[in-house]
Amino acid sequence: MEVSLYSEGVTPQELTEKLKGIGWKPTYGRYDYAYEWGTTWGNKDSNIQEYFDHINKTHKTLKGCKV
């Protein structure tokens, strides 16, 4: 996931702690955070609900952070 910081938002450290709390890991390189989906990722329809559950949880976590 790529994140654009906003000067009026939470600090990078606060953001990282929030995201780590739901399984995201900070990375170096093109993306800012990565999530390990597990060994079943990519199997047809096997984890589409898991995907949306996690993305919705991420959206809820970022809400109000102003990033």
Protein backbone atom coordinates (compact mmCIF):
# COMPACT_ATOMS: atom_id res chain seq x y z
CA MET A 1 0.00 0.00 0.00
CA GLU A 2 1.20 3.51 -0.77
CA VAL A 3 0.40 6.28 1.70
CA SER A 4 0.59 10.03 1.17
CA LEU A 5 1.17 11.89 4.40
CA TYR A 6 -0.63 15.12 5.23
CA SER A 7 0.88 17.68 7.58
CA GLU A 8 -2.39 17.92 9.54
CA GLY A 9 -2.72 14.16 9.90
CA VAL A 10 -1.32 11.60 12.31
CA THR A 11 2.45 11.22 12.56
CA PRO A 12 4.18 8.51 10.52
CA GLN A 13 4.89 6.64 13.76
CA GLU A 14 1.21 6.74 14.82
CA LEU A 15 0.14 5.58 11.37
CA THR A 16 2.63 2.71 11.42
CA GLU A 17 1.44 1.56 14.85
CA LYS A 18 -2.19 1.60 13.71
CA LEU A 19 -1.42 -0.39 10.57
CA LYS A 20 0.85 -2.86 12.36
CA GLY A 21 -2.07 -3.52 14.70
CA ILE A 22 -4.04 -4.98 11.80
CA GLY A 23 -1.20 -6.87 10.17
CA TRP A 24 0.45 -4.40 7.79
CA LYS A 25 4.25 -4.24 7.84
CA PRO A 26 6.31 -1.17 6.92
CA THR A 27 8.49 -1.71 3.86
CA TYR A 28 11.20 0.08 1.93
CA GLY A 29 10.90 0.64 -1.79
CA ARG A 30 7.95 1.32 -4.04
CA TYR A 31 5.28 0.69 -1.40
CA ASP A 32 5.07 1.92 2.17
CA TYR A 33 3.30 -1.07 3.76
CA ALA A 34 2.75 -4.71 2.83
CA TYR A 35 0.31 -7.35 4.03
CA GLU A 36 1.07 -11.06 3.89
CA TRP A 37 -2.03 -12.74 2.51
CA GLY A 38 -0.91 -16.30 3.18
CA THR A 39 -0.44 -19.37 1.04
CA THR A 40 -3.99 -19.56 -0.33
CA TRP A 41 -3.87 -16.15 -1.96
CA GLY A 42 -4.61 -16.36 -5.66
CA ASN A 43 -6.75 -19.50 -5.52
CA LYS A 44 -9.94 -18.81 -7.44
CA ASP A 45 -12.55 -17.30 -5.12
CA SER A 46 -10.91 -18.96 -2.11
CA ASN A 47 -10.31 -15.79 -0.17
CA ILE A 48 -12.21 -12.94 -1.78
CA GLN A 49 -14.16 -12.38 1.45
CA GLU A 50 -10.90 -12.36 3.44
CA TYR A 51 -9.59 -9.73 1.04
CA PHE A 52 -12.60 -7.44 1.43
CA ASP A 53 -12.76 -7.98 5.20
CA HIS A 54 -9.15 -6.84 5.53
CA ILE A 55 -9.46 -3.94 3.09
CA ASN A 56 -12.57 -2.70 4.91
CA LYS A 57 -10.74 -3.02 8.26
CA THR A 58 -7.85 -1.02 6.78
CA HIS A 59 -10.23 1.65 5.51
CA LYS A 60 -11.85 1.92 8.96
CA THR A 61 -8.41 2.15 10.62
CA LEU A 62 -7.27 4.94 8.29
CA LYS A 63 -10.50 6.92 8.64
CA GLY A 64 -9.78 10.15 10.46
CA CYS A 65 -6.00 9.83 10.10
CA LYS A 66 -5.91 12.41 7.30
CA VAL A 67 -3.56 10.47 5.06
